[in-house]
Amino acid sequence: MASPGKKSFPLRIDPVLWSEIERLAAQELRSANAQVEYLLRQALKQRGRSLPLPVQEDIQTENDPPE
């Protein structure tokens, strides 16, 4: 289920690429969805696009269990 205020988007992706995203997400204690969003934000930043910071509820703290 999508978080309130977030756009839901179906994505067709190579299974090998998705596996790597899941692996990175697990290493960084993020959900695969949060990892995709993080990577997209990084790519935009590298291209000089500034975005507002993510909504506070999306930021995981040390006391939060991994998704």
N, C-alpha and C. Protein backbone atom coordinates (compact mmCIF):
# COMPACT_ATOMS: atom_id res chain seq x y z
N MET A 1 0.85 -1.17 0.00
CA MET A 1 0.00 0.00 0.00
C MET A 1 0.89 1.24 0.00
N ALA A 2 0.55 2.20 -0.81
CA ALA A 2 1.33 3.43 -0.91
C ALA A 2 1.14 4.30 0.33
N SER A 3 2.18 5.02 0.67
CA SER A 3 2.10 5.96 1.78
C SER A 3 1.25 7.15 1.37
N PRO A 4 0.51 7.73 2.31
CA PRO A 4 -0.28 8.92 1.96
C PRO A 4 0.63 10.03 1.43
N GLY A 5 0.18 10.70 0.40
CA GLY A 5 0.95 11.80 -0.15
C GLY A 5 2.03 11.37 -1.12
N LYS A 6 2.14 10.08 -1.40
CA LYS A 6 3.15 9.58 -2.34
C LYS A 6 2.48 9.05 -3.58
N LYS A 7 3.13 9.23 -4.70
CA LYS A 7 2.64 8.74 -5.99
C LYS A 7 2.94 7.26 -6.10
N SER A 8 1.94 6.48 -6.46
CA SER A 8 2.10 5.06 -6.70
C SER A 8 2.41 4.89 -8.18
N PHE A 9 3.39 4.03 -8.50
CA PHE A 9 3.83 3.91 -9.88
C PHE A 9 4.26 2.47 -10.17
N PRO A 10 3.58 1.78 -11.10
CA PRO A 10 4.03 0.43 -11.46
C PRO A 10 5.33 0.51 -12.26
N LEU A 11 6.23 -0.39 -12.00
CA LEU A 11 7.55 -0.34 -12.62
C LEU A 11 7.93 -1.71 -13.16
N ARG A 12 8.27 -1.77 -14.43
CA ARG A 12 8.82 -3.00 -15.00
C ARG A 12 10.33 -2.85 -14.94
N ILE A 13 10.98 -3.84 -14.34
CA ILE A 13 12.42 -3.74 -14.13
C ILE A 13 13.07 -5.11 -14.30
N ASP A 14 14.28 -5.11 -14.82
CA ASP A 14 15.04 -6.35 -14.99
C ASP A 14 15.19 -7.05 -13.64
N PRO A 15 14.89 -8.33 -13.56
CA PRO A 15 14.98 -9.05 -12.29
C PRO A 15 16.37 -9.01 -11.65
N VAL A 16 17.41 -9.01 -12.45
CA VAL A 16 18.77 -8.94 -11.91
C VAL A 16 19.01 -7.58 -11.27
N LEU A 17 18.54 -6.52 -11.91
CA LEU A 17 18.67 -5.17 -11.35
C LEU A 17 17.87 -5.06 -10.06
N TRP A 18 16.66 -5.61 -10.04
CA TRP A 18 15.83 -5.56 -8.84
C TRP A 18 16.50 -6.31 -7.68
N SER A 19 17.11 -7.44 -7.98
CA SER A 19 17.82 -8.20 -6.94
C SER A 19 18.95 -7.38 -6.33
N GLU A 20 19.65 -6.65 -7.17
CA GLU A 20 20.74 -5.81 -6.66
C GLU A 20 20.21 -4.67 -5.81
N ILE A 21 19.09 -4.08 -6.21
CA ILE A 21 18.46 -3.03 -5.42
C ILE A 21 18.03 -3.58 -4.06
N GLU A 22 17.45 -4.77 -4.05
CA GLU A 22 17.05 -5.39 -2.78
C GLU A 22 18.26 -5.68 -1.89
N ARG A 23 19.35 -6.10 -2.50
CA ARG A 23 20.57 -6.38 -1.74
C ARG A 23 21.12 -5.10 -1.11
N LEU A 24 21.19 -4.04 -1.90
CA LEU A 24 21.66 -2.76 -1.38
C LEU A 24 20.74 -2.24 -0.28
N ALA A 25 19.43 -2.38 -0.50
CA ALA A 25 18.45 -1.92 0.49
C ALA A 25 18.66 -2.64 1.81
N ALA A 26 18.86 -3.94 1.77
CA ALA A 26 19.08 -4.71 3.00
C ALA A 26 20.35 -4.26 3.71
N GLN A 27 21.40 -4.00 2.95
CA GLN A 27 22.66 -3.54 3.55
C GLN A 27 22.50 -2.18 4.21
N GLU A 28 21.66 -1.33 3.65
CA GLU A 28 21.48 0.02 4.17
C GLU A 28 20.23 0.16 5.03
N LEU A 29 19.64 -0.98 5.39
CA LEU A 29 18.46 -1.03 6.27
C LEU A 29 17.30 -0.18 5.75
N ARG A 30 17.05 -0.31 4.45
CA ARG A 30 15.92 0.37 3.81
C ARG A 30 15.04 -0.68 3.15
N SER A 31 13.80 -0.32 2.87
CA SER A 31 12.96 -1.17 2.03
C SER A 31 13.46 -0.99 0.59
N ALA A 32 13.09 -1.93 -0.27
CA ALA A 32 13.48 -1.80 -1.67
C ALA A 32 12.87 -0.54 -2.27
N ASN A 33 11.64 -0.21 -1.90
CA ASN A 33 11.00 1.01 -2.40
C ASN A 33 11.77 2.26 -1.96
N ALA A 34 12.16 2.30 -0.69
CA ALA A 34 12.93 3.45 -0.18
C ALA A 34 14.29 3.53 -0.88
N GLN A 35 14.87 2.38 -1.21
CA GLN A 35 16.16 2.36 -1.91
C GLN A 35 16.02 2.95 -3.31
N VAL A 36 14.95 2.59 -4.00
CA VAL A 36 14.71 3.14 -5.34
C VAL A 36 14.56 4.65 -5.25
N GLU A 37 13.78 5.12 -4.28
CA GLU A 37 13.60 6.56 -4.11
C GLU A 37 14.92 7.25 -3.79
N TYR A 38 15.73 6.64 -2.93
CA TYR A 38 17.04 7.18 -2.58
C TYR A 38 17.94 7.28 -3.82
N LEU A 39 17.97 6.22 -4.63
CA LEU A 39 18.81 6.23 -5.83
C LEU A 39 18.33 7.27 -6.84
N LEU A 40 17.01 7.43 -6.97
CA LEU A 40 16.48 8.45 -7.87
C LEU A 40 16.85 9.86 -7.39
N ARG A 41 16.76 10.09 -6.07
CA ARG A 41 17.15 11.39 -5.53
C ARG A 41 18.64 11.66 -5.76
N GLN A 42 19.47 10.64 -5.58
CA GLN A 42 20.91 10.79 -5.84
C GLN A 42 21.16 11.16 -7.30
N ALA A 43 20.49 10.47 -8.21
CA ALA A 43 20.66 10.73 -9.64
C ALA A 43 20.25 12.15 -9.99
N LEU A 44 19.14 12.62 -9.44
CA LEU A 44 18.70 13.99 -9.70
C LEU A 44 19.70 15.00 -9.13
N LYS A 45 20.19 14.73 -7.94
CA LYS A 45 21.17 15.64 -7.32
C LYS A 45 22.44 15.73 -8.17
N GLN A 46 22.90 14.59 -8.69
CA GLN A 46 24.09 14.57 -9.55
C GLN A 46 23.88 15.39 -10.82
N ARG A 47 22.64 15.53 -11.22
CA ARG A 47 22.32 16.30 -12.43
C ARG A 47 21.93 17.74 -12.12
N GLY A 48 22.16 18.15 -10.87
CA GLY A 48 21.92 19.53 -10.50
C GLY A 48 20.49 19.88 -10.18
N ARG A 49 19.66 18.92 -9.94
CA ARG A 49 18.26 19.16 -9.59
C ARG A 49 18.13 19.11 -8.07
N SER A 50 17.58 20.15 -7.48
CA SER A 50 17.40 20.15 -6.03
C SER A 50 15.95 19.80 -5.72
N LEU A 51 15.78 18.99 -4.69
CA LEU A 51 14.46 18.59 -4.23
C LEU A 51 14.36 18.89 -2.75
N PRO A 52 13.15 19.09 -2.26
CA PRO A 52 13.01 19.24 -0.80
C PRO A 52 13.39 17.92 -0.13
N LEU A 53 13.76 18.00 1.14
CA LEU A 53 14.10 16.80 1.88
C LEU A 53 12.88 15.89 1.98
N PRO A 54 13.11 14.57 2.10
CA PRO A 54 11.96 13.67 2.22
C PRO A 54 11.15 13.98 3.47
N VAL A 55 9.88 13.60 3.46
CA VAL A 55 9.01 13.78 4.61
C VAL A 55 9.60 13.03 5.79
N GLN A 56 9.51 13.61 6.98
CA GLN A 56 10.13 13.06 8.18
C GLN A 56 9.77 11.60 8.42
N GLU A 57 8.53 11.18 8.10
CA GLU A 57 8.12 9.81 8.36
C GLU A 57 8.91 8.81 7.53
N ASP A 58 9.54 9.24 6.44
CA ASP A 58 10.31 8.35 5.58
C ASP A 58 11.73 8.13 6.08
N ILE A 59 12.17 8.95 7.03
CA ILE A 59 13.53 8.85 7.52
C ILE A 59 13.55 7.86 8.68
N GLN A 60 14.35 6.81 8.53
CA GLN A 60 14.42 5.77 9.53
C GLN A 60 15.42 6.16 10.62
N THR A 61 15.03 6.01 11.87
CA THR A 61 15.93 6.30 12.97
C THR A 61 16.52 5.00 13.49
N GLU A 62 17.51 5.13 14.37
CA GLU A 62 18.18 3.95 14.91
C GLU A 62 17.22 3.04 15.65
N ASN A 63 16.17 3.59 16.25
CA ASN A 63 15.24 2.79 17.05
C ASN A 63 14.13 2.15 16.21
N ASP A 64 14.01 2.55 14.94
CA ASP A 64 12.97 1.98 14.08
C ASP A 64 13.43 0.62 13.56
N PRO A 65 12.53 -0.36 13.52
CA PRO A 65 12.91 -1.64 12.90
C PRO A 65 13.01 -1.47 11.39
N PRO A 66 13.87 -2.25 10.74
CA PRO A 66 13.96 -2.15 9.27
C PRO A 66 12.64 -2.57 8.63
N GLU A 67 12.33 -1.98 7.48
CA GLU A 67 11.09 -2.32 6.77
C GLU A 67 11.24 -3.65 6.07
